[in-house]
Amino acid sequence: MKQGQTSMTLDIAKYEIAMEGADMRAVVLTLDRGQNVPWHYHSAITDAFVCLKGPTIVETRAPRNTYVLNAGERCDVPPMTAHYVHGLDDGPCQFMILQGTGVYDNVSVGGAGD
């Protein structure tokens, strides 16, 4: 996948690329207790989240929403929508993100408590 602006380093238990092409990719992220994917957005791509072990919480801004995903459940976060991902009660979780189509970027915004 072509890279655009990236401004975030993840401090998580595991990051695995399952598939990557010119304008799409699938990654599996594993979060230990207390870990998260901080608030950020993507300019052109959609993140499609699929919970593998959870619950996984995906919070969004504008529109403000909280998705509580159990294993096998999914949600989409469209481009230009800030989102924050963590486990229920800051517990561990694992999820796959299907990202595409387009150029990948990662724009950090605000703090986890926002």
PDB file of N, CA and C in Angstrom:
ATOM      1  N   MET A   1       0.843  -1.170   0.000  1.00  0.00           N
ATOM      2  CA  MET A   1       0.000   0.000   0.000  1.00  0.00           C
ATOM      3  C   MET A   1       0.889   1.234   0.000  1.00  0.00           C
ATOM      4  N   LYS A   2       0.558   2.183  -0.831  1.00  0.00           N
ATOM      5  CA  LYS A   2       1.325   3.425  -0.881  1.00  0.00           C
ATOM      6  C   LYS A   2       1.160   4.177   0.427  1.00  0.00           C
ATOM      7  N   GLN A   3       2.244   4.774   0.901  1.00  0.00           N
ATOM      8  CA  GLN A   3       2.245   5.491   2.171  1.00  0.00           C
ATOM      9  C   GLN A   3       2.142   6.990   1.943  1.00  0.00           C
ATOM     10  N   GLY A   4       1.332   7.637   2.742  1.00  0.00           N
ATOM     11  CA  GLY A   4       1.271   9.093   2.787  1.00  0.00           C
ATOM     12  C   GLY A   4       1.895   9.535   4.096  1.00  0.00           C
ATOM     13  N   GLN A   5       1.381  10.610   4.665  1.00  0.00           N
ATOM     14  CA  GLN A   5       1.875  11.133   5.933  1.00  0.00           C
ATOM     15  C   GLN A   5       1.583  10.147   7.058  1.00  0.00           C
ATOM     16  N   THR A   6       2.592   9.795   7.820  1.00  0.00           N
ATOM     17  CA  THR A   6       2.381   8.984   9.009  1.00  0.00           C
ATOM     18  C   THR A   6       3.004   9.705  10.185  1.00  0.00           C
ATOM     19  N   SER A   7       2.282   9.747  11.300  1.00  0.00           N
ATOM     20  CA  SER A   7       2.783  10.499  12.438  1.00  0.00           C
ATOM     21  C   SER A   7       2.538   9.780  13.753  1.00  0.00           C
ATOM     22  N   MET A   8       2.375   8.463  13.719  1.00  0.00           N
ATOM     23  CA  MET A   8       2.065   7.739  14.938  1.00  0.00           C
ATOM     24  C   MET A   8       2.882   6.454  15.009  1.00  0.00           C
ATOM     25  N   THR A   9       3.461   6.208  16.171  1.00  0.00           N
ATOM     26  CA  THR A   9       4.127   4.946  16.445  1.00  0.00           C
ATOM     27  C   THR A   9       3.271   4.208  17.461  1.00  0.00           C
ATOM     28  N   LEU A  10       2.933   2.965  17.167  1.00  0.00           N
ATOM     29  CA  LEU A  10       2.084   2.188  18.067  1.00  0.00           C
ATOM     30  C   LEU A  10       2.919   1.427  19.082  1.00  0.00           C
ATOM     31  N   ASP A  11       2.517   1.495  20.341  1.00  0.00           N
ATOM     32  CA  ASP A  11       3.130   0.723  21.412  1.00  0.00           C
ATOM     33  C   ASP A  11       2.127  -0.361  21.784  1.00  0.00           C
ATOM     34  N   ILE A  12       2.142  -1.451  20.995  1.00  0.00           N
ATOM     35  CA  ILE A  12       1.169  -2.525  21.190  1.00  0.00           C
ATOM     36  C   ILE A  12       1.892  -3.868  21.232  1.00  0.00           C
ATOM     37  N   ALA A  13       1.165  -4.905  21.677  1.00  0.00           N
ATOM     38  CA  ALA A  13       1.759  -6.228  21.845  1.00  0.00           C
ATOM     39  C   ALA A  13       2.209  -6.845  20.523  1.00  0.00           C
ATOM     40  N   LYS A  14       1.383  -6.704  19.475  1.00  0.00           N
ATOM     41  CA  LYS A  14       1.733  -7.352  18.211  1.00  0.00           C
ATOM     42  C   LYS A  14       1.044  -6.658  17.040  1.00  0.00           C
ATOM     43  N   TYR A  15       1.774  -6.524  15.928  1.00  0.00           N
ATOM     44  CA  TYR A  15       1.278  -5.941  14.681  1.00  0.00           C
ATOM     45  C   TYR A  15       1.694  -6.882  13.567  1.00  0.00           C
ATOM     46  N   GLU A  16       0.715  -7.505  12.907  1.00  0.00           N
ATOM     47  CA  GLU A  16       1.007  -8.470  11.855  1.00  0.00           C
ATOM     48  C   GLU A  16       0.337  -8.049  10.545  1.00  0.00           C
ATOM     49  N   ILE A  17       1.098  -7.961   9.481  1.00  0.00           N
ATOM     50  CA  ILE A  17       0.514  -7.696   8.167  1.00  0.00           C
ATOM     51  C   ILE A  17       0.081  -9.041   7.592  1.00  0.00           C
ATOM     52  N   ALA A  18      -1.218  -9.204   7.376  1.00  0.00           N
ATOM     53  CA  ALA A  18      -1.753 -10.443   6.828  1.00  0.00           C
ATOM     54  C   ALA A  18      -1.745 -10.429   5.305  1.00  0.00           C
ATOM     55  N   MET A  19      -1.962  -9.230   4.721  1.00  0.00           N
ATOM     56  CA  MET A  19      -2.005  -9.079   3.268  1.00  0.00           C
ATOM     57  C   MET A  19      -1.757  -7.619   2.961  1.00  0.00           C
ATOM     58  N   GLU A  20      -0.990  -7.360   1.883  1.00  0.00           N
ATOM     59  CA  GLU A  20      -0.783  -5.980   1.471  1.00  0.00           C
ATOM     60  C   GLU A  20      -0.662  -5.920  -0.040  1.00  0.00           C
ATOM     61  N   GLY A  21      -1.387  -4.981  -0.633  1.00  0.00           N
ATOM     62  CA  GLY A  21      -1.342  -4.759  -2.075  1.00  0.00           C
ATOM     63  C   GLY A  21      -1.089  -3.297  -2.361  1.00  0.00           C
ATOM     64  N   ALA A  22      -1.275  -2.901  -3.605  1.00  0.00           N
ATOM     65  CA  ALA A  22      -0.990  -1.525  -4.012  1.00  0.00           C
ATOM     66  C   ALA A  22      -1.874  -0.505  -3.298  1.00  0.00           C
ATOM     67  N   ASP A  23      -3.147  -0.847  -3.030  1.00  0.00           N
ATOM     68  CA  ASP A  23      -4.021   0.133  -2.396  1.00  0.00           C
ATOM     69  C   ASP A  23      -4.919  -0.468  -1.314  1.00  0.00           C
ATOM     70  N   MET A  24      -4.550  -1.646  -0.804  1.00  0.00           N
ATOM     71  CA  MET A  24      -5.296  -2.290   0.280  1.00  0.00           C
ATOM     72  C   MET A  24      -4.342  -3.071   1.169  1.00  0.00           C
ATOM     73  N   ARG A  25      -4.748  -3.271   2.417  1.00  0.00           N
ATOM     74  CA  ARG A  25      -4.002  -4.162   3.286  1.00  0.00           C
ATOM     75  C   ARG A  25      -4.898  -4.676   4.401  1.00  0.00           C
ATOM     76  N   ALA A  26      -4.479  -5.793   4.982  1.00  0.00           N
ATOM     77  CA  ALA A  26      -5.137  -6.382   6.140  1.00  0.00           C
ATOM     78  C   ALA A  26      -4.079  -6.576   7.208  1.00  0.00           C
ATOM     79  N   VAL A  27      -4.338  -6.040   8.406  1.00  0.00           N
ATOM     80  CA  VAL A  27      -3.395  -6.176   9.517  1.00  0.00           C
ATOM     81  C   VAL A  27      -4.145  -6.686  10.741  1.00  0.00           C
ATOM     82  N   VAL A  28      -3.436  -7.463  11.554  1.00  0.00           N
ATOM     83  CA  VAL A  28      -3.979  -7.948  12.820  1.00  0.00           C
ATOM     84  C   VAL A  28      -3.210  -7.261  13.932  1.00  0.00           C
ATOM     85  N   LEU A  29      -3.945  -6.585  14.831  1.00  0.00           N
ATOM     86  CA  LEU A  29      -3.338  -5.908  15.965  1.00  0.00           C
ATOM     87  C   LEU A  29      -3.776  -6.594  17.245  1.00  0.00           C
ATOM     88  N   THR A  30      -2.816  -6.819  18.136  1.00  0.00           N
ATOM     89  CA  THR A  30      -3.084  -7.399  19.447  1.00  0.00           C
ATOM     90  C   THR A  30      -2.705  -6.368  20.492  1.00  0.00           C
ATOM     91  N   LEU A  31      -3.667  -6.045  21.358  1.00  0.00           N
ATOM     92  CA  LEU A  31      -3.440  -5.089  22.434  1.00  0.00           C
ATOM     93  C   LEU A  31      -3.444  -5.822  23.769  1.00  0.00           C
ATOM     94  N   ASP A  32      -2.425  -5.590  24.579  1.00  0.00           N
ATOM     95  CA  ASP A  32      -2.407  -6.093  25.943  1.00  0.00           C
ATOM     96  C   ASP A  32      -3.178  -5.120  26.833  1.00  0.00           C
ATOM     97  N   ARG A  33      -3.415  -5.526  28.066  1.00  0.00           N
ATOM     98  CA  ARG A  33      -4.109  -4.664  29.031  1.00  0.00           C
ATOM     99  C   ARG A  33      -3.450  -3.287  29.065  1.00  0.00           C
ATOM    100  N   GLY A  34      -4.271  -2.232  28.960  1.00  0.00           N
ATOM    101  CA  GLY A  34      -3.785  -0.862  29.040  1.00  0.00           C
ATOM    102  C   GLY A  34      -3.272  -0.275  27.738  1.00  0.00           C
ATOM    103  N   GLN A  35      -3.170  -1.063  26.686  1.00  0.00           N
ATOM    104  CA  GLN A  35      -2.686  -0.544  25.401  1.00  0.00           C
ATOM    105  C   GLN A  35      -3.856  -0.053  24.553  1.00  0.00           C
ATOM    106  N   ASN A  36      -3.553   0.829  23.591  1.00  0.00           N
ATOM    107  CA  ASN A  36      -4.592   1.367  22.714  1.00  0.00           C
ATOM    108  C   ASN A  36      -3.972   1.854  21.417  1.00  0.00           C
ATOM    109  N   VAL A  37      -4.832   2.135  20.472  1.00  0.00           N
ATOM    110  CA  VAL A  37      -4.455   2.828  19.234  1.00  0.00           C
ATOM    111  C   VAL A  37      -4.987   4.251  19.414  1.00  0.00           C
ATOM    112  N   PRO A  38      -4.092   5.241  19.591  1.00  0.00           N
ATOM    113  CA  PRO A  38      -4.519   6.608  19.912  1.00  0.00           C
ATOM    114  C   PRO A  38      -5.393   7.233  18.829  1.00  0.00           C
ATOM    115  N   TRP A  39      -6.052   8.331  19.202  1.00  0.00           N
ATOM    116  CA  TRP A  39      -6.912   9.068  18.277  1.00  0.00           C
ATOM    117  C   TRP A  39      -6.149   9.442  17.018  1.00  0.00           C
ATOM    118  N   HIS A  40      -6.733   9.147  15.869  1.00  0.00           N
ATOM    119  CA  HIS A  40      -6.140   9.470  14.569  1.00  0.00           C
ATOM    120  C   HIS A  40      -7.223   9.357  13.497  1.00  0.00           C
ATOM    121  N   TYR A  41      -6.888   9.783  12.295  1.00  0.00           N
ATOM    122  CA  TYR A  41      -7.780   9.570  11.155  1.00  0.00           C
ATOM    123  C   TYR A  41      -6.946   9.316   9.915  1.00  0.00           C
ATOM    124  N   HIS A  42      -7.622   8.865   8.861  1.00  0.00           N
ATOM    125  CA  HIS A  42      -6.999   8.620   7.565  1.00  0.00           C
ATOM    126  C   HIS A  42      -7.704   9.520   6.541  1.00  0.00           C
ATOM    127  N   SER A  43      -6.936  10.133   5.658  1.00  0.00           N
ATOM    128  CA  SER A  43      -7.499  11.086   4.696  1.00  0.00           C
ATOM    129  C   SER A  43      -8.333  10.426   3.602  1.00  0.00           C
ATOM    130  N   ALA A  44      -7.919   9.244   3.151  1.00  0.00           N
ATOM    131  CA  ALA A  44      -8.560   8.662   1.974  1.00  0.00           C
ATOM    132  C   ALA A  44      -9.079   7.239   2.163  1.00  0.00           C
ATOM    133  N   ILE A  45      -8.622   6.532   3.176  1.00  0.00           N
ATOM    134  CA  ILE A  45      -9.003   5.123   3.298  1.00  0.00           C
ATOM    135  C   ILE A  45     -10.034   4.893   4.394  1.00  0.00           C
ATOM    136  N   THR A  46     -10.767   3.795   4.258  1.00  0.00           N
ATOM    137  CA  THR A  46     -11.687   3.321   5.286  1.00  0.00           C
ATOM    138  C   THR A  46     -10.994   2.231   6.085  1.00  0.00           C
ATOM    139  N   ASP A  47     -11.183   2.253   7.405  1.00  0.00           N
ATOM    140  CA  ASP A  47     -10.758   1.154   8.266  1.00  0.00           C
ATOM    141  C   ASP A  47     -11.979   0.282   8.539  1.00  0.00           C
ATOM    142  N   ALA A  48     -11.928  -0.982   8.147  1.00  0.00           N
ATOM    143  CA  ALA A  48     -12.985  -1.935   8.476  1.00  0.00           C
ATOM    144  C   ALA A  48     -12.440  -2.831   9.584  1.00  0.00           C
ATOM    145  N   PHE A  49     -12.986  -2.708  10.796  1.00  0.00           N
ATOM    146  CA  PHE A  49     -12.525  -3.455  11.965  1.00  0.00           C
ATOM    147  C   PHE A  49     -13.311  -4.746  12.101  1.00  0.00           C
ATOM    148  N   VAL A  50     -12.606  -5.843  12.381  1.00  0.00           N
ATOM    149  CA  VAL A  50     -13.234  -7.126  12.671  1.00  0.00           C
ATOM    150  C   VAL A  50     -12.626  -7.621  13.977  1.00  0.00           C
ATOM    151  N   CYS A  51     -13.456  -7.767  15.011  1.00  0.00           N
ATOM    152  CA  CYS A  51     -12.959  -8.231  16.313  1.00  0.00           C
ATOM    153  C   CYS A  51     -12.636  -9.730  16.234  1.00  0.00           C
ATOM    154  N   LEU A  52     -11.442 -10.083  16.670  1.00  0.00           N
ATOM    155  CA  LEU A  52     -11.037 -11.489  16.742  1.00  0.00           C
ATOM    156  C   LEU A  52     -11.152 -12.008  18.175  1.00  0.00           C
ATOM    157  N   LYS A  53     -10.694 -11.210  19.134  1.00  0.00           N
ATOM    158  CA  LYS A  53     -10.826 -11.506  20.565  1.00  0.00           C
ATOM    159  C   LYS A  53     -11.165 -10.198  21.234  1.00  0.00           C
ATOM    160  N   GLY A  54     -12.097 -10.215  22.109  1.00  0.00           N
ATOM    161  CA  GLY A  54     -12.501  -8.923  22.644  1.00  0.00           C
ATOM    162  C   GLY A  54     -13.088  -9.008  24.017  1.00  0.00           C
ATOM    163  N   PRO A  55     -13.933  -8.034  24.239  1.00  0.00           N
ATOM    164  CA  PRO A  55     -14.450  -7.044  23.306  1.00  0.00           C
ATOM    165  C   PRO A  55     -13.408  -5.995  22.894  1.00  0.00           C
ATOM    166  N   THR A  56     -13.572  -5.504  21.665  1.00  0.00           N
ATOM    167  CA  THR A  56     -12.776  -4.404  21.121  1.00  0.00           C
ATOM    168  C   THR A  56     -13.690  -3.190  21.042  1.00  0.00           C
ATOM    169  N   ILE A  57     -13.200  -2.051  21.512  1.00  0.00           N
ATOM    170  CA  ILE A  57     -13.971  -0.815  21.496  1.00  0.00           C
ATOM    171  C   ILE A  57     -13.383   0.112  20.434  1.00  0.00           C
ATOM    172  N   VAL A  58     -14.229   0.588  19.521  1.00  0.00           N
ATOM    173  CA  VAL A  58     -13.839   1.568  18.505  1.00  0.00           C
ATOM    174  C   VAL A  58     -14.683   2.809  18.757  1.00  0.00           C
ATOM    175  N   GLU A  59     -14.021   3.904  19.158  1.00  0.00           N
ATOM    176  CA  GLU A  59     -14.718   5.163  19.392  1.00  0.00           C
ATOM    177  C   GLU A  59     -14.442   6.096  18.225  1.00  0.00           C
ATOM    178  N   THR A  60     -15.458   6.860  17.824  1.00  0.00           N
ATOM    179  CA  THR A  60     -15.296   7.824  16.732  1.00  0.00           C
ATOM    180  C   THR A  60     -15.772   9.204  17.181  1.00  0.00           C
ATOM    181  N   ARG A  61     -15.284  10.216  16.449  1.00  0.00           N
ATOM    182  CA  ARG A  61     -15.735  11.600  16.617  1.00  0.00           C
ATOM    183  C   ARG A  61     -16.357  12.034  15.298  1.00  0.00           C
ATOM    184  N   ALA A  62     -17.344  12.896  15.387  1.00  0.00           N
ATOM    185  CA  ALA A  62     -17.947  13.543  14.210  1.00  0.00           C
ATOM    186  C   ALA A  62     -18.234  12.573  13.070  1.00  0.00           C
ATOM    187  N   PRO A  63     -19.112  11.631  13.261  1.00  0.00           N
ATOM    188  CA  PRO A  63     -20.048  11.552  14.373  1.00  0.00           C
ATOM    189  C   PRO A  63     -19.450  10.810  15.573  1.00  0.00           C
ATOM    190  N   ARG A  64     -19.848  11.238  16.770  1.00  0.00           N
ATOM    191  CA  ARG A  64     -19.404  10.578  17.995  1.00  0.00           C
ATOM    192  C   ARG A  64     -20.186   9.272  18.133  1.00  0.00           C
ATOM    193  N   ASN A  65     -19.433   8.174  18.284  1.00  0.00           N
ATOM    194  CA  ASN A  65     -20.051   6.858  18.418  1.00  0.00           C
ATOM    195  C   ASN A  65     -19.095   5.946  19.155  1.00  0.00           C
ATOM    196  N   THR A  66     -19.632   4.920  19.790  1.00  0.00           N
ATOM    197  CA  THR A  66     -18.821   3.889  20.441  1.00  0.00           C
ATOM    198  C   THR A  66     -19.340   2.540  19.971  1.00  0.00           C
ATOM    199  N   TYR A  67     -18.470   1.780  19.309  1.00  0.00           N
ATOM    200  CA  TYR A  67     -18.796   0.437  18.849  1.00  0.00           C
ATOM    201  C   TYR A  67     -18.154  -0.553  19.814  1.00  0.00           C
ATOM    202  N   VAL A  68     -18.947  -1.435  20.374  1.00  0.00           N
ATOM    203  CA  VAL A  68     -18.456  -2.504  21.240  1.00  0.00           C
ATOM    204  C   VAL A  68     -18.541  -3.784  20.424  1.00  0.00           C
ATOM    205  N   LEU A  69     -17.375  -4.273  19.996  1.00  0.00           N
ATOM    206  CA  LEU A  69     -17.333  -5.421  19.099  1.00  0.00           C
ATOM    207  C   LEU A  69     -16.909  -6.678  19.837  1.00  0.00           C
ATOM    208  N   ASN A  70     -17.706  -7.717  19.730  1.00  0.00           N
ATOM    209  CA  ASN A  70     -17.339  -9.034  20.229  1.00  0.00           C
ATOM    210  C   ASN A  70     -16.786  -9.842  19.062  1.00  0.00           C
ATOM    211  N   ALA A  71     -16.155 -10.974  19.356  1.00  0.00           N
ATOM    212  CA  ALA A  71     -15.536 -11.794  18.315  1.00  0.00           C
ATOM    213  C   ALA A  71     -16.511 -12.022  17.158  1.00  0.00           C
ATOM    214  N   GLY A  72     -16.031 -11.707  15.945  1.00  0.00           N
ATOM    215  CA  GLY A  72     -16.822 -11.886  14.732  1.00  0.00           C
ATOM    216  C   GLY A  72     -17.617 -10.659  14.316  1.00  0.00           C
ATOM    217  N   GLU A  73     -17.735  -9.669  15.192  1.00  0.00           N
ATOM    218  CA  GLU A  73     -18.480  -8.462  14.846  1.00  0.00           C
ATOM    219  C   GLU A  73     -17.549  -7.443  14.206  1.00  0.00           C
ATOM    220  N   ARG A  74     -18.154  -6.519  13.413  1.00  0.00           N
ATOM    221  CA  ARG A  74     -17.333  -5.562  12.677  1.00  0.00           C
ATOM    222  C   ARG A  74     -17.987  -4.202  12.624  1.00  0.00           C
ATOM    223  N   CYS A  75     -17.159  -3.197  12.292  1.00  0.00           N
ATOM    224  CA  CYS A  75     -17.652  -1.853  12.008  1.00  0.00           C
ATOM    225  C   CYS A  75     -16.683  -1.182  11.046  1.00  0.00           C
ATOM    226  N   ASP A  76     -17.164  -0.166  10.351  1.00  0.00           N
ATOM    227  CA  ASP A  76     -16.343   0.595   9.411  1.00  0.00           C
ATOM    228  C   ASP A  76     -16.169   2.013   9.924  1.00  0.00           C
ATOM    229  N   VAL A  77     -14.967   2.559   9.736  1.00  0.00           N
ATOM    230  CA  VAL A  77     -14.691   3.960  10.036  1.00  0.00           C
ATOM    231  C   VAL A  77     -14.252   4.606   8.723  1.00  0.00           C
ATOM    232  N   PRO A  78     -15.072   5.525   8.200  1.00  0.00           N
ATOM    233  CA  PRO A  78     -14.762   6.129   6.900  1.00  0.00           C
ATOM    234  C   PRO A  78     -13.612   7.132   6.988  1.00  0.00           C
ATOM    235  N   PRO A  79     -13.093   7.541   5.831  1.00  0.00           N
ATOM    236  CA  PRO A  79     -12.032   8.546   5.809  1.00  0.00           C
ATOM    237  C   PRO A  79     -12.450   9.819   6.548  1.00  0.00           C
ATOM    238  N   MET A  80     -11.459  10.522   7.088  1.00  0.00           N
ATOM    239  CA  MET A  80     -11.633  11.808   7.764  1.00  0.00           C
ATOM    240  C   MET A  80     -12.431  11.707   9.067  1.00  0.00           C
ATOM    241  N   THR A  81     -12.592  10.506   9.607  1.00  0.00           N
ATOM    242  CA  THR A  81     -13.291  10.304  10.876  1.00  0.00           C
ATOM    243  C   THR A  81     -12.269   9.874  11.927  1.00  0.00           C
ATOM    244  N   ALA A  82     -12.064  10.719  12.926  1.00  0.00           N
ATOM    245  CA  ALA A  82     -11.113  10.385  13.998  1.00  0.00           C
ATOM    246  C   ALA A  82     -11.627   9.185  14.775  1.00  0.00           C
ATOM    247  N   HIS A  83     -10.701   8.287  15.122  1.00  0.00           N
ATOM    248  CA  HIS A  83     -11.076   7.104  15.886  1.00  0.00           C
ATOM    249  C   HIS A  83      -9.974   6.684  16.845  1.00  0.00           C
ATOM    250  N   TYR A  84     -10.402   5.946  17.893  1.00  0.00           N
ATOM    251  CA  TYR A  84      -9.563   5.509  19.007  1.00  0.00           C
ATOM    252  C   TYR A  84      -9.981   4.082  19.327  1.00  0.00           C
ATOM    253  N   VAL A  85      -9.013   3.168  19.479  1.00  0.00           N
ATOM    254  CA  VAL A  85      -9.338   1.747  19.640  1.00  0.00           C
ATOM    255  C   VAL A  85      -8.672   1.207  20.904  1.00  0.00           C
ATOM    256  N   HIS A  86      -9.438   0.424  21.676  1.00  0.00           N
ATOM    257  CA  HIS A  86      -8.918  -0.157  22.920  1.00  0.00           C
ATOM    258  C   HIS A  86      -9.796  -1.333  23.313  1.00  0.00           C
ATOM    259  N   GLY A  87      -9.360  -2.075  24.315  1.00  0.00           N
ATOM    260  CA  GLY A  87     -10.165  -3.167  24.830  1.00  0.00           C
ATOM    261  C   GLY A  87     -11.164  -2.652  25.859  1.00  0.00           C
ATOM    262  N   LEU A  88     -12.211  -3.414  26.106  1.00  0.00           N
ATOM    263  CA  LEU A  88     -13.207  -3.065  27.111  1.00  0.00           C
ATOM    264  C   LEU A  88     -12.533  -2.939  28.469  1.00  0.00           C
ATOM    265  N   ASP A  89     -12.790  -1.847  29.162  1.00  0.00           N
ATOM    266  CA  ASP A  89     -12.171  -1.573  30.469  1.00  0.00           C
ATOM    267  C   ASP A  89     -10.652  -1.637  30.393  1.00  0.00           C
ATOM    268  N   ASP A  90     -10.099  -1.215  29.246  1.00  0.00           N
ATOM    269  CA  ASP A  90      -8.653  -1.235  28.982  1.00  0.00           C
ATOM    270  C   ASP A  90      -8.060  -2.634  29.051  1.00  0.00           C
ATOM    271  N   GLY A  91      -8.898  -3.637  28.826  1.00  0.00           N
ATOM    272  CA  GLY A  91      -8.421  -5.018  28.810  1.00  0.00           C
ATOM    273  C   GLY A  91      -7.814  -5.374  27.459  1.00  0.00           C
ATOM    274  N   PRO A  92      -7.305  -6.605  27.334  1.00  0.00           N
ATOM    275  CA  PRO A  92      -6.690  -7.042  26.074  1.00  0.00           C
ATOM    276  C   PRO A  92      -7.742  -7.276  24.992  1.00  0.00           C
ATOM    277  N   CYS A  93      -7.312  -7.176  23.744  1.00  0.00           N
ATOM    278  CA  CYS A  93      -8.182  -7.488  22.615  1.00  0.00           C
ATOM    279  C   CYS A  93      -7.315  -7.745  21.381  1.00  0.00           C
ATOM    280  N   GLN A  94      -7.937  -8.300  20.375  1.00  0.00           N
ATOM    281  CA  GLN A  94      -7.258  -8.546  19.101  1.00  0.00           C
ATOM    282  C   GLN A  94      -8.270  -8.300  17.990  1.00  0.00           C
ATOM    283  N   PHE A  95      -7.824  -7.617  16.931  1.00  0.00           N
ATOM    284  CA  PHE A  95      -8.722  -7.290  15.838  1.00  0.00           C
ATOM    285  C   PHE A  95      -7.959  -7.209  14.532  1.00  0.00           C
ATOM    286  N   MET A  96      -8.706  -7.410  13.448  1.00  0.00           N
ATOM    287  CA  MET A  96      -8.151  -7.235  12.119  1.00  0.00           C
ATOM    288  C   MET A  96      -8.696  -5.932  11.564  1.00  0.00           C
ATOM    289  N   ILE A  97      -7.832  -5.197  10.851  1.00  0.00           N
ATOM    290  CA  ILE A  97      -8.264  -3.995  10.148  1.00  0.00           C
ATOM    291  C   ILE A  97      -8.034  -4.230   8.662  1.00  0.00           C
ATOM    292  N   LEU A  98      -9.094  -4.075   7.888  1.00  0.00           N
ATOM    293  CA  LEU A  98      -8.998  -4.098   6.431  1.00  0.00           C
ATOM    294  C   LEU A  98      -8.958  -2.637   6.006  1.00  0.00           C
ATOM    295  N   GLN A  99      -7.887  -2.225   5.336  1.00  0.00           N
ATOM    296  CA  GLN A  99      -7.684  -0.822   4.991  1.00  0.00           C
ATOM    297  C   GLN A  99      -7.604  -0.638   3.486  1.00  0.00           C
ATOM    298  N   GLY A 100      -8.350   0.313   2.970  1.00  0.00           N
ATOM    299  CA  GLY A 100      -8.282   0.635   1.556  1.00  0.00           C
ATOM    300  C   GLY A 100      -9.522   1.402   1.157  1.00  0.00           C
ATOM    301  N   THR A 101      -9.671   1.635  -0.062  1.00  0.00           N
ATOM    302  CA  THR A 101      -8.632   1.613  -1.088  1.00  0.00           C
ATOM    303  C   THR A 101      -8.051   3.009  -1.200  1.00  0.00           C
ATOM    304  N   GLY A 102      -6.776   3.076  -1.505  1.00  0.00           N
ATOM    305  CA  GLY A 102      -6.138   4.369  -1.671  1.00  0.00           C
ATOM    306  C   GLY A 102      -4.809   4.455  -0.958  1.00  0.00           C
ATOM    307  N   VAL A 103      -4.317   5.677  -0.859  1.00  0.00           N
ATOM    308  CA  VAL A 103      -3.040   5.946  -0.200  1.00  0.00           C
ATOM    309  C   VAL A 103      -3.266   5.993   1.300  1.00  0.00           C
ATOM    310  N   TYR A 104      -2.435   5.270   2.053  1.00  0.00           N
ATOM    311  CA  TYR A 104      -2.547   5.197   3.508  1.00  0.00           C
ATOM    312  C   TYR A 104      -1.800   6.361   4.142  1.00  0.00           C
ATOM    313  N   ASP A 105      -2.480   7.041   5.053  1.00  0.00           N
ATOM    314  CA  ASP A 105      -1.821   7.997   5.924  1.00  0.00           C
ATOM    315  C   ASP A 105      -2.383   7.818   7.314  1.00  0.00           C
ATOM    316  N   ASN A 106      -1.776   8.487   8.271  1.00  0.00           N
ATOM    317  CA  ASN A 106      -2.161   8.329   9.663  1.00  0.00           C
ATOM    318  C   ASN A 106      -1.950   9.686  10.317  1.00  0.00           C
ATOM    319  N   VAL A 107      -3.019  10.402  10.596  1.00  0.00           N
ATOM    320  CA  VAL A 107      -2.918  11.750  11.135  1.00  0.00           C
ATOM    321  C   VAL A 107      -3.388  11.736  12.583  1.00  0.00           C
ATOM    322  N   SER A 108      -2.477  11.995  13.525  1.00  0.00           N
ATOM    323  CA  SER A 108      -2.799  12.001  14.954  1.00  0.00           C
ATOM    324  C   SER A 108      -3.660  13.199  15.303  1.00  0.00           C
ATOM    325  N   VAL A 109      -4.594  12.989  16.250  1.00  0.00           N
ATOM    326  CA  VAL A 109      -5.439  14.068  16.753  1.00  0.00           C
ATOM    327  C   VAL A 109      -5.696  13.881  18.240  1.00  0.00           C
ATOM    328  N   GLY A 110      -5.758  14.969  18.987  1.00  0.00           N
ATOM    329  CA  GLY A 110      -6.190  14.957  20.387  1.00  0.00           C
ATOM    330  C   GLY A 110      -5.597  13.880  21.259  1.00  0.00           C
ATOM    331  N   GLY A 111      -6.192  13.704  22.424  1.00  0.00           N
ATOM    332  CA  GLY A 111      -5.739  12.714  23.390  1.00  0.00           C
ATOM    333  C   GLY A 111      -6.776  11.650  23.638  1.00  0.00           C
ATOM    334  N   ALA A 112      -6.370  10.573  24.307  1.00  0.00           N
ATOM    335  CA  ALA A 112      -7.256   9.435  24.553  1.00  0.00           C
ATOM    336  C   ALA A 112      -8.478   9.820  25.390  1.00  0.00           C
ATOM    337  N   GLY A 113      -8.364  10.832  26.221  1.00  0.00           N
ATOM    338  CA  GLY A 113      -9.474  11.218  27.067  1.00  0.00           C
ATOM    339  C   GLY A 113     -10.450  12.161  26.413  1.00  0.00           C
ATOM    340  N   ASP A 114     -10.219  12.559  25.185  1.00  0.00           N
ATOM    341  CA  ASP A 114     -11.078  13.536  24.500  1.00  0.00           C
ATOM    342  C   ASP A 114     -12.415  12.931  24.137  1.00  0.00           C
TER     343      ASP A 114
END
